Amino acid sequence: MSSPLKLTSVMTTKIEYAVTQLQQSIREILAESPNLKQLRKALKHVHEQSDSKEVLITATRNQKLYLAATLKSLYEEGDLKLFEQIVAFDEHTKLKGTGNSKLRIKKDKYECNNDDHIVPGIPPLPKINDPTIEATVFTHKSAVGNTKYLSKTELLNSNNERLEFLGDSVINSLVTQLLFQMYPNYNEGKLSILRAQIVNNNSLGEFSRMYGFPDKLLVNFAKDAAFSQGKHKLYSDVFEAYVGGLYVDSGYNNLDEIKHWLYLLIRPRLSGLTGSLYEDSVDLNSKGKLYSLIGSAANPPKYVTTRVGNGLDVSFMVDCMMGDEVIGTGEGHNQKEAGLYAAENALGKHDVIEKYMKLREETPREVSVVATKIPETTRKQEPLPEINPQDEQLVLPVRVEASDVNVNSSDKLYSLLSKNKILPVYKTTGKGTQFTTMLTINDVDICSSVGTSKKKSRNQCANFVLEHLGVLNQCHAFLD
């Protein structure tokens, strides 16, 4: 019994190239070559041409022109219909007299994955059953990019970029679902932080190394020390491609299995990442509430950062202060969150709130500061703008045009409304350089504004109210 033929990569590439050339050659013969009748007639008159010598030499030196004319005649007579199938051949073509043209490679006759490099203790790697899909997962575009005879479609299906694109989307979607289900008390910001720490090049690259993917990756450059140290994205990409390959291999019907595998993979990392994230949700209006109760434009609560975090394992610490007294402390993933917790902590101290509310009430209005802290002579009272009766007729909410306004407008509005224990609420959305803010007072939408920052869009809204105090009558915010 003879041993089976061993196919090498060099052999298969040569055959593929030869077939590609065969297809191209047949196309040229059918398009350019005369049939036998046309050839004989043309040769009778060839002496009339300026290049007659070259044509005669070509026609007689090896008879290949005659062979081409013969093939063209046989094709026209219907004896070489196979030519049409060869020229148009693709994975869907079925040659006459043969079975299916597409090769079906069985998994049990294909070399299985080598698990020698898999790190102990990690969840088992789900298998891709189709060896062609698996081979594509581990083929970088550099390995086939110089194969000039392949079409664009053939090149696309010969490397892992499309599978990587699909896998990236699957991972993001499934990890988002997992985090949403695992942390029901986390807001959108905390969930986004967790997802970003799990779904990034470093984390996915580490998963890839744990399963030995870099050793299987086929590339067209040296895997030297520089590759190992600087190619984290390649490792991440091949992990995404593997997930994409799993999804395609199942006929797009195994998301639950992939999700369970990812859950087992990311679970050990989450315990360390969530240590600095609190289960309770911070009140986003805690600073505003505190200001409306005890603050004023001249003596607002101050927020002092006592510890700077790094956004990962070291949290931020902020003290909320009135004068020299610390009235609240907060810890958070970022400085803003820590400040909100500090204000919330202060709001929970009823004796402190009563103390500073009483001090503010006892302070003469023309001073508007705590007398024992700031001398009366250090501040001039700012007269209130006149109320225009026409402001009461404005149709709310009003769209405020972008403009340069006082950066303290929101503080002034807080001070003004807090006299009646009213809290202005700013709802800001957007990202990049476009932020839209809606200002609401007593559940009435007053105005909206678009600015290049959250602070600017809020100040524009506050400045509008300060310049049109009559609108406050529409939301029952009566001022003394």
Protein backbone atom coordinates (compact mmCIF):
# COMPACT_ATOMS: atom_id res chain seq x y z
CA MET A 1 0.00 0.00 0.00
CA SER A 2 1.53 3.28 -1.11
CA SER A 3 1.91 6.11 1.39
CA PRO A 4 -0.41 9.12 0.93
CA LEU A 5 0.84 12.12 -1.01
CA LYS A 6 2.26 14.83 1.24
CA LEU A 7 1.03 18.28 0.29
CA THR A 8 3.47 21.06 1.12
CA SER A 9 2.74 24.79 1.17
CA VAL A 10 5.15 25.29 -1.75
CA MET A 11 3.37 22.62 -3.80
CA THR A 12 -0.13 23.96 -3.15
CA THR A 13 0.95 27.52 -3.93
CA LYS A 14 2.50 26.41 -7.25
CA ILE A 15 -0.67 24.55 -8.22
CA GLU A 16 -2.87 27.49 -7.27
CA TYR A 17 -0.69 29.83 -9.35
CA ALA A 18 -0.71 27.43 -12.33
CA VAL A 19 -4.52 27.19 -12.31
CA THR A 20 -4.79 30.97 -12.07
CA GLN A 21 -2.50 31.28 -15.10
CA LEU A 22 -4.49 28.58 -16.92
CA GLN A 23 -7.71 30.54 -16.42
CA GLN A 24 -6.06 33.74 -17.63
CA SER A 25 -4.49 31.98 -20.64
CA ILE A 26 -7.79 30.43 -21.74
CA ARG A 27 -9.48 33.84 -21.48
CA GLU A 28 -6.78 35.35 -23.73
CA ILE A 29 -6.98 32.48 -26.27
CA LEU A 30 -10.75 32.79 -26.56
CA ALA A 31 -10.55 36.60 -26.79
CA GLU A 32 -7.47 37.09 -29.00
CA SER A 33 -6.76 33.97 -31.04
CA PRO A 34 -8.19 33.43 -34.55
CA ASN A 35 -9.70 30.05 -35.39
CA LEU A 36 -7.98 27.83 -37.97
CA LYS A 37 -9.87 29.30 -40.92
CA GLN A 38 -9.10 32.86 -39.85
CA LEU A 39 -5.44 31.98 -39.23
CA ARG A 40 -4.88 30.54 -42.72
CA LYS A 41 -6.57 33.50 -44.37
CA ALA A 42 -4.53 35.98 -42.32
CA LEU A 43 -1.22 34.28 -43.18
CA LYS A 44 -1.95 34.62 -46.92
CA HIS A 45 -1.92 38.38 -46.57
CA VAL A 46 0.71 38.72 -43.85
CA HIS A 47 3.33 40.01 -46.35
CA GLU A 48 1.32 43.22 -46.64
CA GLN A 49 2.12 44.08 -42.99
CA SER A 50 5.19 45.93 -41.73
CA ASP A 51 5.74 43.27 -39.03
CA SER A 52 5.28 40.29 -41.38
CA LYS A 53 8.67 38.75 -40.53
CA GLU A 54 7.94 38.70 -36.79
CA VAL A 55 4.48 37.18 -37.38
CA LEU A 56 5.82 34.44 -39.67
CA ILE A 57 8.57 33.48 -37.20
CA THR A 58 6.06 33.30 -34.34
CA ALA A 59 3.61 31.23 -36.40
CA THR A 60 6.17 28.60 -37.42
CA ARG A 61 8.82 28.29 -34.70
CA ASN A 62 6.86 26.06 -32.30
CA GLN A 63 3.34 25.75 -33.74
CA LYS A 64 1.78 27.23 -30.59
CA LEU A 65 -0.14 29.75 -32.66
CA TYR A 66 -1.56 26.80 -34.58
CA LEU A 67 -2.45 25.07 -31.31
CA ALA A 68 -4.27 28.20 -30.08
CA ALA A 69 -6.23 28.43 -33.37
CA THR A 70 -7.14 24.75 -33.11
CA LEU A 71 -8.40 25.18 -29.55
CA LYS A 72 -10.41 28.22 -30.61
CA SER A 73 -12.00 26.23 -33.48
CA LEU A 74 -12.85 23.29 -31.21
CA TYR A 75 -14.41 25.68 -28.67
CA GLU A 76 -16.53 27.35 -31.36
CA GLU A 77 -17.65 23.93 -32.61
CA GLY A 78 -18.84 23.03 -29.09
CA ASP A 79 -16.18 20.42 -28.34
CA LEU A 80 -14.47 22.39 -25.54
CA LYS A 81 -17.31 23.58 -23.34
CA LEU A 82 -15.07 22.75 -20.39
CA PHE A 83 -13.22 25.98 -21.19
CA GLU A 84 -16.22 27.98 -20.01
CA GLN A 85 -16.26 26.17 -16.67
CA ILE A 86 -12.51 26.60 -16.22
CA VAL A 87 -12.65 30.34 -16.91
CA ALA A 88 -15.65 30.92 -14.63
CA PHE A 89 -14.57 28.41 -11.98
CA ASP A 90 -15.14 29.36 -8.35
CA GLU A 91 -16.17 27.60 -5.14
CA HIS A 92 -19.73 27.16 -6.40
CA THR A 93 -18.83 25.59 -9.78
CA LYS A 94 -19.69 21.94 -10.38
CA LEU A 95 -17.64 20.43 -13.18
CA LYS A 96 -19.47 18.08 -15.52
CA GLY A 97 -18.94 14.44 -14.61
CA THR A 98 -17.59 15.21 -11.12
CA GLY A 99 -18.99 15.58 -7.62
CA ASN A 100 -18.99 18.78 -5.63
CA SER A 101 -16.01 20.91 -6.61
CA LYS A 102 -15.49 22.37 -3.13
CA LEU A 103 -13.16 20.36 -0.92
CA ARG A 104 -14.65 19.08 2.33
CA ILE A 105 -11.92 18.54 4.91
CA LYS A 106 -12.95 16.40 7.86
CA LYS A 107 -11.77 17.37 11.30
CA ASP A 108 -10.76 13.86 12.30
CA LYS A 109 -8.24 13.77 9.44
CA TYR A 110 -6.85 17.16 10.31
CA GLU A 111 -4.15 17.87 12.85
CA CYS A 112 -5.83 19.00 16.07
CA ASN A 113 -4.88 22.06 18.09
CA ASN A 114 -1.72 21.69 20.15
CA ASP A 115 -2.59 22.62 23.75
CA ASP A 116 0.94 22.35 25.14
CA HIS A 117 1.27 26.12 25.64
CA ILE A 118 -2.08 26.67 27.37
CA VAL A 119 -1.73 28.12 30.87
CA PRO A 120 -3.11 25.76 33.56
CA GLY A 121 -6.25 26.87 35.36
CA ILE A 122 -7.88 28.81 32.52
CA PRO A 123 -11.17 27.62 30.99
CA PRO A 124 -10.88 25.07 28.13
CA LEU A 125 -10.57 26.63 24.70
CA PRO A 126 -13.71 26.08 22.57
CA LYS A 127 -12.75 24.27 19.38
CA ILE A 128 -13.29 25.45 15.81
CA ASN A 129 -14.44 22.36 13.88
CA ASP A 130 -13.80 23.64 10.35
CA PRO A 131 -10.00 23.45 9.82
CA THR A 132 -10.15 26.02 7.03
CA ILE A 133 -11.73 28.60 9.34
CA GLU A 134 -9.16 27.75 12.00
CA ALA A 135 -6.30 28.15 9.50
CA THR A 136 -7.70 31.54 8.45
CA VAL A 137 -7.83 32.67 12.10
CA PHE A 138 -4.08 32.18 12.43
CA THR A 139 -3.08 33.73 9.08
CA HIS A 140 -1.98 37.35 9.24
CA LYS A 141 -2.46 39.46 6.10
CA SER A 142 1.33 39.78 5.71
CA ALA A 143 1.50 36.04 4.99
CA VAL A 144 -0.61 36.38 1.84
CA GLY A 145 -0.30 40.08 1.02
CA ASN A 146 2.43 39.52 -1.60
CA THR A 147 0.47 36.85 -3.49
CA LYS A 148 -0.14 39.04 -6.52
CA TYR A 149 -2.10 36.53 -8.59
CA LEU A 150 -4.95 36.31 -6.08
CA SER A 151 -8.05 38.46 -6.52
CA LYS A 152 -9.14 40.96 -3.87
CA THR A 153 -11.89 38.59 -2.75
CA GLU A 154 -9.46 35.68 -2.50
CA LEU A 155 -7.05 37.79 -0.45
CA LEU A 156 -9.87 38.89 1.88
CA ASN A 157 -10.80 35.28 2.58
CA SER A 158 -7.17 34.19 3.07
CA ASN A 159 -6.35 36.21 6.21
CA ASN A 160 -7.96 36.85 9.58
CA GLU A 161 -8.95 40.53 9.23
CA ARG A 162 -12.65 39.89 8.50
CA LEU A 163 -12.89 37.37 11.35
CA GLU A 164 -11.13 39.87 13.62
CA PHE A 165 -13.74 42.52 12.72
CA LEU A 166 -16.56 40.12 13.57
CA GLY A 167 -14.93 38.88 16.77
CA ASP A 168 -14.35 42.43 18.02
CA SER A 169 -18.08 43.13 17.75
CA VAL A 170 -19.04 39.82 19.40
CA ILE A 171 -16.66 40.35 22.34
CA ASN A 172 -17.86 43.92 22.96
CA SER A 173 -21.49 42.86 22.86
CA LEU A 174 -21.12 39.81 25.11
CA VAL A 175 -18.86 41.49 27.67
CA THR A 176 -21.33 44.39 27.82
CA GLN A 177 -24.14 41.92 28.52
CA LEU A 178 -22.10 40.14 31.19
CA LEU A 179 -21.18 43.33 33.04
CA PHE A 180 -24.77 44.60 32.82
CA GLN A 181 -26.01 41.38 34.41
CA MET A 182 -23.23 41.00 36.99
CA TYR A 183 -23.34 44.57 38.35
CA PRO A 184 -26.99 45.68 38.52
CA ASN A 185 -26.10 48.65 40.78
CA TYR A 186 -23.38 50.09 38.54
CA ASN A 187 -24.20 53.14 36.45
CA GLU A 188 -23.21 53.58 32.81
CA GLY A 189 -19.92 55.25 33.71
CA LYS A 190 -18.72 52.42 35.95
CA LEU A 191 -19.80 49.78 33.43
CA SER A 192 -17.90 51.61 30.69
CA ILE A 193 -14.77 51.74 32.86
CA LEU A 194 -14.95 48.01 33.54
CA ARG A 195 -15.52 47.15 29.88
CA ALA A 196 -12.61 49.32 28.78
CA GLN A 197 -10.32 47.53 31.24
CA ILE A 198 -11.40 44.10 29.98
CA VAL A 199 -11.75 44.77 26.25
CA ASN A 200 -8.42 46.34 25.33
CA ASN A 201 -5.28 45.25 23.51
CA ASN A 202 -3.37 44.40 26.67
CA SER A 203 -6.09 42.20 28.20
CA LEU A 204 -7.07 40.45 24.97
CA GLY A 205 -3.39 40.06 24.09
CA GLU A 206 -2.83 38.37 27.45
CA PHE A 207 -5.74 35.99 26.80
CA SER A 208 -4.16 35.23 23.42
CA ARG A 209 -0.80 34.38 25.02
CA MET A 210 -2.48 32.20 27.65
CA TYR A 211 -3.82 29.96 24.87
CA GLY A 212 -0.58 29.99 22.86
CA PHE A 213 -2.10 31.85 19.90
CA PRO A 214 1.06 33.86 18.99
CA ASP A 215 3.00 30.64 18.37
CA LYS A 216 0.36 29.53 15.84
CA LEU A 217 0.13 32.88 14.03
CA LEU A 218 1.42 32.77 10.45
CA VAL A 219 3.18 36.03 9.51
CA ASN A 220 5.65 37.17 6.89
CA PHE A 221 8.16 38.76 9.28
CA ALA A 222 10.47 37.53 11.99
CA LYS A 223 8.99 36.66 15.39
CA ASP A 224 11.99 38.01 17.25
CA ALA A 225 12.26 39.77 20.60
CA ALA A 226 10.95 43.02 19.12
CA PHE A 227 7.88 41.19 17.88
CA SER A 228 7.20 39.69 21.30
CA GLN A 229 7.58 43.04 23.06
CA GLY A 230 5.84 45.35 20.61
CA LYS A 231 3.14 43.39 18.84
CA HIS A 232 0.42 43.41 21.51
CA LYS A 233 -2.20 44.44 18.97
CA LEU A 234 -1.40 41.42 16.79
CA TYR A 235 -1.98 39.17 19.78
CA SER A 236 -5.24 40.96 20.55
CA ASP A 237 -6.29 40.74 16.89
CA VAL A 238 -5.79 36.99 16.67
CA PHE A 239 -7.87 36.49 19.85
CA GLU A 240 -10.69 38.53 18.29
CA ALA A 241 -10.32 36.53 15.07
CA TYR A 242 -10.64 33.28 17.03
CA VAL A 243 -13.90 34.46 18.59
CA GLY A 244 -15.11 35.46 15.13
CA GLY A 245 -14.10 32.02 13.83
CA LEU A 246 -16.04 30.30 16.62
CA TYR A 247 -19.13 32.29 15.71
CA VAL A 248 -18.89 31.56 11.96
CA ASP A 249 -18.04 27.89 12.53
CA SER A 250 -21.31 27.38 14.42
CA GLY A 251 -23.40 28.97 11.70
CA TYR A 252 -23.81 32.09 13.87
CA ASN A 253 -25.64 30.09 16.51
CA ASN A 254 -23.36 29.72 19.56
CA LEU A 255 -23.36 33.11 21.33
CA ASP A 256 -24.42 31.51 24.62
CA GLU A 257 -21.43 29.14 24.55
CA ILE A 258 -19.00 31.96 23.69
CA LYS A 259 -20.54 34.15 26.40
CA HIS A 260 -20.07 31.45 29.06
CA TRP A 261 -16.44 30.94 28.01
CA LEU A 262 -15.74 34.71 28.16
CA TYR A 263 -17.41 34.86 31.58
CA LEU A 264 -15.07 32.18 32.95
CA LEU A 265 -12.12 34.00 31.34
CA ILE A 266 -12.80 37.51 32.66
CA ARG A 267 -14.26 36.61 36.09
CA PRO A 268 -10.87 36.38 37.89
CA ARG A 269 -9.90 39.83 36.58
CA LEU A 270 -13.10 41.55 37.62
CA SER A 271 -12.56 41.12 41.37
CA GLY A 272 -9.41 43.21 41.18
CA LEU A 273 -10.89 45.82 38.85
CA THR A 274 -14.03 46.46 40.90
CA GLY A 275 -12.27 47.06 44.21
CA SER A 276 -12.32 50.85 43.76
CA LEU A 277 -15.83 50.99 42.31
CA TYR A 278 -18.66 51.38 44.79
CA GLU A 279 -21.84 49.34 44.55
CA ASP A 280 -23.98 52.33 45.63
CA SER A 281 -24.73 55.09 43.14
CA VAL A 282 -23.68 58.65 43.86
CA ASP A 283 -26.22 61.47 43.70
CA LEU A 284 -25.13 63.57 40.72
CA ASN A 285 -26.86 66.61 42.22
CA SER A 286 -25.28 66.31 45.69
CA LYS A 287 -23.03 69.36 45.20
CA GLY A 288 -25.95 71.47 44.03
CA LYS A 289 -28.12 70.38 46.94
CA LEU A 290 -25.40 71.21 49.45
CA TYR A 291 -24.81 74.60 47.86
CA SER A 292 -28.52 75.46 47.91
CA LEU A 293 -28.67 74.68 51.63
CA ILE A 294 -25.53 76.32 53.01
CA GLY A 295 -23.57 77.98 50.20
CA SER A 296 -23.42 81.45 48.71
CA ALA A 297 -21.49 83.10 45.92
CA ALA A 298 -19.04 84.56 48.42
CA ASN A 299 -18.75 81.47 50.64
CA PRO A 300 -19.44 78.29 48.67
CA PRO A 301 -18.40 74.79 49.78
CA LYS A 302 -14.84 74.12 48.66
CA TYR A 303 -13.59 70.75 47.38
CA VAL A 304 -9.96 69.87 48.08
CA THR A 305 -8.33 66.78 46.57
CA THR A 306 -6.30 65.02 49.25
CA ARG A 307 -5.27 61.98 47.24
CA VAL A 308 -4.83 61.66 43.48
CA GLY A 309 -5.76 58.27 42.07
CA ASN A 310 -4.74 56.54 38.86
CA GLY A 311 -8.16 55.42 37.58
CA LEU A 312 -7.43 51.77 38.37
CA ASP A 313 -6.38 50.49 41.81
CA VAL A 314 -5.80 53.84 43.55
CA SER A 315 -8.92 55.93 44.16
CA PHE A 316 -9.27 59.70 44.53
CA MET A 317 -9.96 61.30 47.94
CA VAL A 318 -11.68 64.70 48.26
CA ASP A 319 -12.57 66.83 51.31
CA CYS A 320 -15.59 69.14 51.27
CA MET A 321 -14.82 72.26 53.32
CA MET A 322 -16.62 75.30 54.65
CA GLY A 323 -13.92 77.77 55.56
CA ASP A 324 -11.32 75.79 57.48
CA GLU A 325 -13.70 73.01 58.54
CA VAL A 326 -13.90 69.64 56.75
CA ILE A 327 -17.60 68.85 56.64
CA GLY A 328 -17.47 65.81 54.37
CA THR A 329 -15.07 63.35 52.71
CA GLY A 330 -15.46 61.26 49.58
CA GLU A 331 -13.64 58.54 47.68
CA GLY A 332 -14.20 57.76 44.02
CA HIS A 333 -12.80 56.40 40.80
CA ASN A 334 -12.15 59.94 39.57
CA GLN A 335 -11.96 63.41 41.10
CA LYS A 336 -15.50 64.37 40.10
CA GLU A 337 -17.02 61.25 41.64
CA ALA A 338 -15.03 61.69 44.85
CA GLY A 339 -16.26 65.29 45.13
CA LEU A 340 -19.88 64.19 44.72
CA TYR A 341 -19.42 61.59 47.47
CA ALA A 342 -17.88 64.26 49.72
CA ALA A 343 -20.94 66.51 49.20
CA GLU A 344 -23.24 63.55 49.82
CA ASN A 345 -21.34 62.76 53.01
CA ALA A 346 -21.77 66.35 54.20
CA LEU A 347 -25.49 66.29 53.42
CA GLY A 348 -25.87 63.35 55.78
CA LYS A 349 -24.50 65.36 58.74
CA HIS A 350 -27.64 67.15 59.91
CA ASP A 351 -25.93 69.05 62.71
CA VAL A 352 -23.37 70.47 60.28
CA ILE A 353 -26.06 71.47 57.78
CA GLU A 354 -28.13 73.18 60.50
CA LYS A 355 -25.05 75.02 61.74
CA TYR A 356 -24.17 76.55 58.37
CA MET A 357 -27.78 77.19 57.41
CA LYS A 358 -28.18 79.20 60.62
CA LEU A 359 -24.95 81.10 60.01
CA ARG A 360 -26.06 82.00 56.49
CA GLU A 361 -29.49 83.15 57.70
CA GLU A 362 -27.90 85.29 60.41
CA THR A 363 -25.58 86.95 57.92
CA PRO A 364 -26.87 90.33 56.68
CA ARG A 365 -27.94 90.19 53.04
CA GLU A 366 -25.66 93.06 52.12
CA VAL A 367 -22.74 91.04 53.39
CA SER A 368 -23.85 87.61 52.08
CA VAL A 369 -20.92 85.89 53.80
CA VAL A 370 -20.27 84.44 57.25
CA ALA A 371 -19.32 87.49 59.33
CA THR A 372 -16.73 85.68 61.43
CA LYS A 373 -14.93 84.47 58.31
CA ILE A 374 -14.97 87.39 55.87
CA PRO A 375 -15.16 91.05 56.96
CA GLU A 376 -18.09 93.04 55.64
CA THR A 377 -15.79 95.53 53.92
CA THR A 378 -14.31 92.86 51.64
CA ARG A 379 -17.43 92.40 49.52
CA LYS A 380 -19.73 94.69 47.63
CA GLN A 381 -23.31 93.67 47.13
CA GLU A 382 -24.19 93.07 43.48
CA PRO A 383 -27.60 94.55 42.63
CA LEU A 384 -30.10 92.17 41.05
CA PRO A 385 -30.87 92.78 37.38
CA GLU A 386 -34.20 94.41 36.69
CA ILE A 387 -37.04 92.03 35.83
CA ASN A 388 -38.47 92.60 32.36
CA PRO A 389 -42.23 91.83 32.29
CA GLN A 390 -41.85 90.53 28.73
CA ASP A 391 -39.72 87.66 30.05
CA GLU A 392 -42.86 86.16 31.58
CA GLN A 393 -44.30 85.77 28.07
CA LEU A 394 -41.36 83.74 26.69
CA VAL A 395 -42.28 80.28 25.39
CA LEU A 396 -40.27 77.70 27.32
CA PRO A 397 -37.90 76.04 26.85
CA VAL A 398 -35.82 78.69 25.07
CA ARG A 399 -32.85 77.73 22.90
CA VAL A 400 -29.86 79.85 23.95
CA GLU A 401 -27.27 80.74 21.34
CA ALA A 402 -23.59 80.07 22.12
CA SER A 403 -21.78 83.15 23.43
CA ASP A 404 -19.05 84.26 25.81
CA VAL A 405 -20.55 84.51 29.30
CA ASN A 406 -19.36 84.95 32.87
CA VAL A 407 -17.76 81.70 34.05
CA ASN A 408 -19.45 82.18 37.43
CA SER A 409 -22.98 82.42 36.03
CA SER A 410 -24.04 79.00 37.35
CA ASP A 411 -22.71 79.89 40.84
CA LYS A 412 -24.64 83.18 40.81
CA LEU A 413 -27.84 81.41 39.82
CA TYR A 414 -27.37 78.87 42.62
CA SER A 415 -26.89 81.68 45.10
CA LEU A 416 -29.96 83.50 43.83
CA LEU A 417 -32.30 80.49 43.89
CA SER A 418 -30.99 78.99 47.13
CA LYS A 419 -32.62 81.85 49.06
CA ASN A 420 -35.92 80.09 48.38
CA LYS A 421 -34.33 76.63 48.73
CA ILE A 422 -34.72 75.96 45.00
CA LEU A 423 -32.21 73.84 43.11
CA PRO A 424 -31.50 74.40 39.40
CA VAL A 425 -30.94 71.08 37.63
CA TYR A 426 -28.61 70.80 34.63
CA LYS A 427 -28.88 67.81 32.33
CA THR A 428 -25.87 67.68 30.01
CA THR A 429 -25.29 65.21 27.18
CA GLY A 430 -22.72 64.91 24.42
CA LYS A 431 -19.04 64.21 23.94
CA GLY A 432 -15.98 65.57 22.19
CA THR A 433 -16.47 69.31 21.68
CA GLN A 434 -20.29 69.43 21.54
CA PHE A 435 -22.27 69.43 24.79
CA THR A 436 -25.99 70.16 25.11
CA THR A 437 -27.43 71.27 28.46
CA MET A 438 -31.08 71.56 29.50
CA LEU A 439 -31.73 73.74 32.59
CA THR A 440 -34.76 72.70 34.67
CA ILE A 441 -36.17 74.60 37.67
CA ASN A 442 -39.05 73.17 39.73
CA ASP A 443 -39.53 70.48 37.05
CA VAL A 444 -40.00 73.16 34.36
CA ASP A 445 -37.60 73.08 31.39
CA ILE A 446 -36.32 76.66 31.11
CA CYS A 447 -33.71 76.67 28.34
CA SER A 448 -31.14 74.61 26.44
CA SER A 449 -27.73 75.54 25.14
CA VAL A 450 -24.89 73.98 23.14
CA GLY A 451 -21.29 74.67 24.16
CA THR A 452 -17.77 73.42 23.58
CA SER A 453 -17.62 72.12 27.17
CA LYS A 454 -20.08 71.03 29.85
CA LYS A 455 -19.21 74.04 32.00
CA LYS A 456 -19.69 76.51 29.16
CA SER A 457 -23.06 75.12 28.09
CA ARG A 458 -24.29 75.23 31.71
CA ASN A 459 -23.04 78.78 32.25
CA GLN A 460 -24.82 79.87 29.06
CA CYS A 461 -28.11 78.51 30.44
CA ALA A 462 -27.57 80.12 33.84
CA ASN A 463 -26.63 83.44 32.24
CA PHE A 464 -29.87 83.40 30.22
CA VAL A 465 -31.95 83.07 33.41
CA LEU A 466 -29.96 85.83 35.14
CA GLU A 467 -30.67 88.14 32.20
CA HIS A 468 -34.36 87.10 31.97
CA LEU A 469 -35.45 86.73 35.61
CA GLY A 470 -39.08 86.99 34.60
CA VAL A 471 -39.01 83.37 33.39
CA LEU A 472 -38.73 82.27 37.03
CA ASN A 473 -42.36 83.26 37.55
CA GLN A 474 -43.28 80.55 35.05
CA CYS A 475 -41.70 77.90 37.29
CA HIS A 476 -42.99 79.38 40.56
CA ALA A 477 -39.52 80.44 41.75
CA PHE A 478 -40.46 83.71 43.44
CA LEU A 479 -37.54 85.86 44.53
CA ASP A 480 -37.43 88.36 47.38
